[in-house]
Each structure stands twice: as C-alpha cells, then as structure tokens.
Amino acid sequence: MSNSLWLALGLVLIVEGLGPLIAPNGWRNMVAELSRQPDNQLRRIGGCLVVAGAVIAYCFS
C-alpha cells in the first residue's frame, strides 16, 4: 500500500474513534438507534456516506 492509503486509513480510524472517546453514552445511543432502522434506511445512509466520501476524495486528489 502506498503511504497515502495508510494515511487515509489512519485518519478514518481517528475520526471513527472520536465518538466513543469523547461521548460514549451518546455514541452508544446513536448506535442503538441505527440498529432499529430498517435495512433500506441504512442502505440510503451508507450510500450517501460513500458518495460524500468519493466527492471529498475527488476534490482533494
């Protein structure tokens, strides 16, 4: 893997870890609420996140 991919992976892990580090109860409640959503809703959320990430990556590459 190139250094850029390792850097990207590291940044993703940092961002993902901030929620449970700073506000564990709020993070737990958010995960519990997401687990109650129907599959189609979760797919839409995931799709939006993928598109947003691709746009950001395209803009900064």
PDB file of N, CA and C in Angstrom:
ATOM      1  N   MET A   1       0.849  -1.191   0.000  1.00  0.00           N
ATOM      2  CA  MET A   1       0.000   0.000   0.000  1.00  0.00           C
ATOM      3  C   MET A   1       0.883   1.239   0.000  1.00  0.00           C
ATOM      4  N   SER A   2       0.398   2.254  -0.655  1.00  0.00           N
ATOM      5  CA  SER A   2       1.165   3.495  -0.668  1.00  0.00           C
ATOM      6  C   SER A   2       0.953   4.232   0.653  1.00  0.00           C
ATOM      7  N   ASN A   3       1.818   5.194   0.867  1.00  0.00           N
ATOM      8  CA  ASN A   3       1.723   5.968   2.110  1.00  0.00           C
ATOM      9  C   ASN A   3       0.406   6.722   2.209  1.00  0.00           C
ATOM     10  N   SER A   4      -0.135   7.162   1.085  1.00  0.00           N
ATOM     11  CA  SER A   4      -1.405   7.901   1.101  1.00  0.00           C
ATOM     12  C   SER A   4      -2.548   7.028   1.608  1.00  0.00           C
ATOM     13  N   LEU A   5      -2.563   5.761   1.208  1.00  0.00           N
ATOM     14  CA  LEU A   5      -3.628   4.874   1.675  1.00  0.00           C
ATOM     15  C   LEU A   5      -3.501   4.597   3.167  1.00  0.00           C
ATOM     16  N   TRP A   6      -2.279   4.425   3.655  1.00  0.00           N
ATOM     17  CA  TRP A   6      -2.085   4.223   5.087  1.00  0.00           C
ATOM     18  C   TRP A   6      -2.505   5.466   5.863  1.00  0.00           C
ATOM     19  N   LEU A   7      -2.186   6.647   5.325  1.00  0.00           N
ATOM     20  CA  LEU A   7      -2.592   7.891   5.957  1.00  0.00           C
ATOM     21  C   LEU A   7      -4.114   8.001   5.995  1.00  0.00           C
ATOM     22  N   ALA A   8      -4.763   7.673   4.890  1.00  0.00           N
ATOM     23  CA  ALA A   8      -6.228   7.720   4.836  1.00  0.00           C
ATOM     24  C   ALA A   8      -6.839   6.755   5.849  1.00  0.00           C
ATOM     25  N   LEU A   9      -6.302   5.552   5.927  1.00  0.00           N
ATOM     26  CA  LEU A   9      -6.806   4.576   6.891  1.00  0.00           C
ATOM     27  C   LEU A   9      -6.628   5.088   8.322  1.00  0.00           C
ATOM     28  N   GLY A  10      -5.483   5.653   8.603  1.00  0.00           N
ATOM     29  CA  GLY A  10      -5.239   6.212   9.939  1.00  0.00           C
ATOM     30  C   GLY A  10      -6.212   7.322  10.279  1.00  0.00           C
ATOM     31  N   LEU A  11      -6.488   8.207   9.323  1.00  0.00           N
ATOM     32  CA  LEU A  11      -7.425   9.294   9.571  1.00  0.00           C
ATOM     33  C   LEU A  11      -8.845   8.779   9.786  1.00  0.00           C
ATOM     34  N   VAL A  12      -9.232   7.753   9.041  1.00  0.00           N
ATOM     35  CA  VAL A  12     -10.558   7.149   9.241  1.00  0.00           C
ATOM     36  C   VAL A  12     -10.663   6.573  10.651  1.00  0.00           C
ATOM     37  N   LEU A  13      -9.628   5.884  11.094  1.00  0.00           N
ATOM     38  CA  LEU A  13      -9.646   5.301  12.440  1.00  0.00           C
ATOM     39  C   LEU A  13      -9.711   6.381  13.513  1.00  0.00           C
ATOM     40  N   ILE A  14      -9.011   7.491  13.303  1.00  0.00           N
ATOM     41  CA  ILE A  14      -9.065   8.593  14.268  1.00  0.00           C
ATOM     42  C   ILE A  14     -10.473   9.156  14.340  1.00  0.00           C
ATOM     43  N   VAL A  15     -11.073   9.450  13.185  1.00  0.00           N
ATOM     44  CA  VAL A  15     -12.420  10.027  13.156  1.00  0.00           C
ATOM     45  C   VAL A  15     -13.430   9.060  13.757  1.00  0.00           C
ATOM     46  N   GLU A  16     -13.332   7.782  13.416  1.00  0.00           N
ATOM     47  CA  GLU A  16     -14.264   6.787  13.948  1.00  0.00           C
ATOM     48  C   GLU A  16     -14.102   6.614  15.463  1.00  0.00           C
ATOM     49  N   GLY A  17     -12.918   6.798  15.974  1.00  0.00           N
ATOM     50  CA  GLY A  17     -12.680   6.620  17.400  1.00  0.00           C
ATOM     51  C   GLY A  17     -13.065   7.807  18.251  1.00  0.00           C
ATOM     52  N   LEU A  18     -13.276   8.973  17.642  1.00  0.00           N
ATOM     53  CA  LEU A  18     -13.599  10.164  18.424  1.00  0.00           C
ATOM     54  C   LEU A  18     -14.938  10.060  19.132  1.00  0.00           C
ATOM     55  N   GLY A  19     -15.939   9.479  18.480  1.00  0.00           N
ATOM     56  CA  GLY A  19     -17.264   9.359  19.105  1.00  0.00           C
ATOM     57  C   GLY A  19     -17.237   8.607  20.414  1.00  0.00           C
ATOM     58  N   PRO A  20     -16.752   7.345  20.417  1.00  0.00           N
ATOM     59  CA  PRO A  20     -16.724   6.610  21.678  1.00  0.00           C
ATOM     60  C   PRO A  20     -15.761   7.209  22.707  1.00  0.00           C
ATOM     61  N   LEU A  21     -14.737   7.909  22.254  1.00  0.00           N
ATOM     62  CA  LEU A  21     -13.773   8.508  23.183  1.00  0.00           C
ATOM     63  C   LEU A  21     -14.363   9.713  23.898  1.00  0.00           C
ATOM     64  N   ILE A  22     -15.015  10.598  23.138  1.00  0.00           N
ATOM     65  CA  ILE A  22     -15.494  11.860  23.703  1.00  0.00           C
ATOM     66  C   ILE A  22     -16.858  11.712  24.379  1.00  0.00           C
ATOM     67  N   ALA A  23     -17.773  10.982  23.747  1.00  0.00           N
ATOM     68  CA  ALA A  23     -19.142  10.873  24.272  1.00  0.00           C
ATOM     69  C   ALA A  23     -19.621   9.427  24.168  1.00  0.00           C
ATOM     70  N   PRO A  24     -19.137   8.542  25.045  1.00  0.00           N
ATOM     71  CA  PRO A  24     -19.503   7.125  24.917  1.00  0.00           C
ATOM     72  C   PRO A  24     -20.999   6.857  25.048  1.00  0.00           C
ATOM     73  N   ASN A  25     -21.692   7.557  25.927  1.00  0.00           N
ATOM     74  CA  ASN A  25     -23.137   7.313  26.077  1.00  0.00           C
ATOM     75  C   ASN A  25     -23.908   7.771  24.849  1.00  0.00           C
ATOM     76  N   GLY A  26     -23.581   8.946  24.345  1.00  0.00           N
ATOM     77  CA  GLY A  26     -24.247   9.438  23.142  1.00  0.00           C
ATOM     78  C   GLY A  26     -23.960   8.541  21.951  1.00  0.00           C
ATOM     79  N   TRP A  27     -22.720   8.055  21.852  1.00  0.00           N
ATOM     80  CA  TRP A  27     -22.341   7.156  20.763  1.00  0.00           C
ATOM     81  C   TRP A  27     -23.127   5.850  20.860  1.00  0.00           C
ATOM     82  N   ARG A  28     -23.242   5.320  22.067  1.00  0.00           N
ATOM     83  CA  ARG A  28     -23.987   4.074  22.281  1.00  0.00           C
ATOM     84  C   ARG A  28     -25.455   4.260  21.899  1.00  0.00           C
ATOM     85  N   ASN A  29     -26.048   5.397  22.301  1.00  0.00           N
ATOM     86  CA  ASN A  29     -27.444   5.665  21.949  1.00  0.00           C
ATOM     87  C   ASN A  29     -27.625   5.786  20.438  1.00  0.00           C
ATOM     88  N   MET A  30     -26.662   6.434  19.771  1.00  0.00           N
ATOM     89  CA  MET A  30     -26.745   6.580  18.318  1.00  0.00           C
ATOM     90  C   MET A  30     -26.678   5.210  17.635  1.00  0.00           C
ATOM     91  N   VAL A  31     -25.778   4.350  18.096  1.00  0.00           N
ATOM     92  CA  VAL A  31     -25.657   3.017  17.505  1.00  0.00           C
ATOM     93  C   VAL A  31     -26.927   2.208  17.757  1.00  0.00           C
ATOM     94  N   ALA A  32     -27.496   2.332  18.949  1.00  0.00           N
ATOM     95  CA  ALA A  32     -28.742   1.622  19.251  1.00  0.00           C
ATOM     96  C   ALA A  32     -29.871   2.121  18.349  1.00  0.00           C
ATOM     97  N   GLU A  33     -29.942   3.432  18.135  1.00  0.00           N
ATOM     98  CA  GLU A  33     -30.973   3.995  17.248  1.00  0.00           C
ATOM     99  C   GLU A  33     -30.768   3.520  15.819  1.00  0.00           C
ATOM    100  N   LEU A  34     -29.536   3.481  15.346  1.00  0.00           N
ATOM    101  CA  LEU A  34     -29.256   2.991  13.987  1.00  0.00           C
ATOM    102  C   LEU A  34     -29.643   1.523  13.840  1.00  0.00           C
ATOM    103  N   SER A  35     -29.451   0.751  14.894  1.00  0.00           N
ATOM    104  CA  SER A  35     -29.766  -0.680  14.805  1.00  0.00           C
ATOM    105  C   SER A  35     -31.270  -0.923  14.678  1.00  0.00           C
ATOM    106  N   ARG A  36     -32.081   0.064  15.063  1.00  0.00           N
ATOM    107  CA  ARG A  36     -33.535  -0.074  14.945  1.00  0.00           C
ATOM    108  C   ARG A  36     -34.064   0.391  13.588  1.00  0.00           C
ATOM    109  N   GLN A  37     -33.216   0.952  12.753  1.00  0.00           N
ATOM    110  CA  GLN A  37     -33.644   1.441  11.437  1.00  0.00           C
ATOM    111  C   GLN A  37     -33.828   0.269  10.477  1.00  0.00           C
ATOM    112  N   PRO A  38     -34.764   0.396   9.550  1.00  0.00           N
ATOM    113  CA  PRO A  38     -34.936  -0.659   8.543  1.00  0.00           C
ATOM    114  C   PRO A  38     -33.727  -0.705   7.592  1.00  0.00           C
ATOM    115  N   ASP A  39     -33.548  -1.848   6.946  1.00  0.00           N
ATOM    116  CA  ASP A  39     -32.401  -2.046   6.063  1.00  0.00           C
ATOM    117  C   ASP A  39     -32.320  -0.994   4.962  1.00  0.00           C
ATOM    118  N   ASN A  40     -33.449  -0.655   4.355  1.00  0.00           N
ATOM    119  CA  ASN A  40     -33.434   0.329   3.271  1.00  0.00           C
ATOM    120  C   ASN A  40     -32.921   1.689   3.746  1.00  0.00           C
ATOM    121  N   GLN A  41     -33.296   2.081   4.944  1.00  0.00           N
ATOM    122  CA  GLN A  41     -32.830   3.353   5.510  1.00  0.00           C
ATOM    123  C   GLN A  41     -31.312   3.311   5.717  1.00  0.00           C
ATOM    124  N   LEU A  42     -30.815   2.206   6.239  1.00  0.00           N
ATOM    125  CA  LEU A  42     -29.370   2.077   6.451  1.00  0.00           C
ATOM    126  C   LEU A  42     -28.614   2.069   5.131  1.00  0.00           C
ATOM    127  N   ARG A  43     -29.192   1.462   4.101  1.00  0.00           N
ATOM    128  CA  ARG A  43     -28.554   1.466   2.777  1.00  0.00           C
ATOM    129  C   ARG A  43     -28.476   2.883   2.221  1.00  0.00           C
ATOM    130  N   ARG A  44     -29.526   3.659   2.407  1.00  0.00           N
ATOM    131  CA  ARG A  44     -29.513   5.055   1.939  1.00  0.00           C
ATOM    132  C   ARG A  44     -28.450   5.854   2.674  1.00  0.00           C
ATOM    133  N   ILE A  45     -28.367   5.678   3.984  1.00  0.00           N
ATOM    134  CA  ILE A  45     -27.354   6.381   4.774  1.00  0.00           C
ATOM    135  C   ILE A  45     -25.961   5.978   4.307  1.00  0.00           C
ATOM    136  N   GLY A  46     -25.736   4.678   4.147  1.00  0.00           N
ATOM    137  CA  GLY A  46     -24.440   4.191   3.683  1.00  0.00           C
ATOM    138  C   GLY A  46     -24.103   4.703   2.300  1.00  0.00           C
ATOM    139  N   GLY A  47     -25.074   4.723   1.411  1.00  0.00           N
ATOM    140  CA  GLY A  47     -24.849   5.229   0.062  1.00  0.00           C
ATOM    141  C   GLY A  47     -24.483   6.701   0.066  1.00  0.00           C
ATOM    142  N   CYS A  48     -25.179   7.488   0.872  1.00  0.00           N
ATOM    143  CA  CYS A  48     -24.851   8.915   0.979  1.00  0.00           C
ATOM    144  C   CYS A  48     -23.437   9.121   1.512  1.00  0.00           C
ATOM    145  N   LEU A  49     -23.043   8.327   2.494  1.00  0.00           N
ATOM    146  CA  LEU A  49     -21.692   8.445   3.039  1.00  0.00           C
ATOM    147  C   LEU A  49     -20.633   8.076   2.006  1.00  0.00           C
ATOM    148  N   VAL A  50     -20.901   7.038   1.225  1.00  0.00           N
ATOM    149  CA  VAL A  50     -19.953   6.634   0.179  1.00  0.00           C
ATOM    150  C   VAL A  50     -19.817   7.729  -0.871  1.00  0.00           C
ATOM    151  N   VAL A  51     -20.946   8.286  -1.299  1.00  0.00           N
ATOM    152  CA  VAL A  51     -20.900   9.351  -2.305  1.00  0.00           C
ATOM    153  C   VAL A  51     -20.182  10.577  -1.750  1.00  0.00           C
ATOM    154  N   ALA A  52     -20.494  10.964  -0.515  1.00  0.00           N
ATOM    155  CA  ALA A  52     -19.822  12.111   0.081  1.00  0.00           C
ATOM    156  C   ALA A  52     -18.318  11.884   0.185  1.00  0.00           C
ATOM    157  N   GLY A  53     -17.927  10.684   0.599  1.00  0.00           N
ATOM    158  CA  GLY A  53     -16.503  10.367   0.683  1.00  0.00           C
ATOM    159  C   GLY A  53     -15.830  10.394  -0.666  1.00  0.00           C
ATOM    160  N   ALA A  54     -16.502   9.886  -1.699  1.00  0.00           N
ATOM    161  CA  ALA A  54     -15.928   9.891  -3.039  1.00  0.00           C
ATOM    162  C   ALA A  54     -15.773  11.316  -3.561  1.00  0.00           C
ATOM    163  N   VAL A  55     -16.759  12.166  -3.305  1.00  0.00           N
ATOM    164  CA  VAL A  55     -16.670  13.565  -3.747  1.00  0.00           C
ATOM    165  C   VAL A  55     -15.515  14.271  -3.037  1.00  0.00           C
ATOM    166  N   ILE A  56     -15.389  14.072  -1.732  1.00  0.00           N
ATOM    167  CA  ILE A  56     -14.302  14.694  -0.980  1.00  0.00           C
ATOM    168  C   ILE A  56     -12.953  14.196  -1.493  1.00  0.00           C
ATOM    169  N   ALA A  57     -12.833  12.889  -1.698  1.00  0.00           N
ATOM    170  CA  ALA A  57     -11.580  12.322  -2.195  1.00  0.00           C
ATOM    171  C   ALA A  57     -11.249  12.872  -3.583  1.00  0.00           C
ATOM    172  N   TYR A  58     -12.253  13.016  -4.432  1.00  0.00           N
ATOM    173  CA  TYR A  58     -12.034  13.544  -5.780  1.00  0.00           C
ATOM    174  C   TYR A  58     -11.583  15.007  -5.715  1.00  0.00           C
ATOM    175  N   CYS A  59     -12.219  15.787  -4.837  1.00  0.00           N
ATOM    176  CA  CYS A  59     -11.886  17.209  -4.729  1.00  0.00           C
ATOM    177  C   CYS A  59     -10.465  17.429  -4.213  1.00  0.00           C
ATOM    178  N   PHE A  60      -9.980  16.559  -3.370  1.00  0.00           N
ATOM    179  CA  PHE A  60      -8.664  16.751  -2.778  1.00  0.00           C
ATOM    180  C   PHE A  60      -7.576  15.925  -3.420  1.00  0.00           C
ATOM    181  N   SER A  61      -7.890  15.211  -4.489  1.00  0.00           N
ATOM    182  CA  SER A  61      -6.839  14.424  -5.154  1.00  0.00           C
ATOM    183  C   SER A  61      -6.283  15.135  -6.363  1.00  0.00           C
TER     184      SER A  61
END
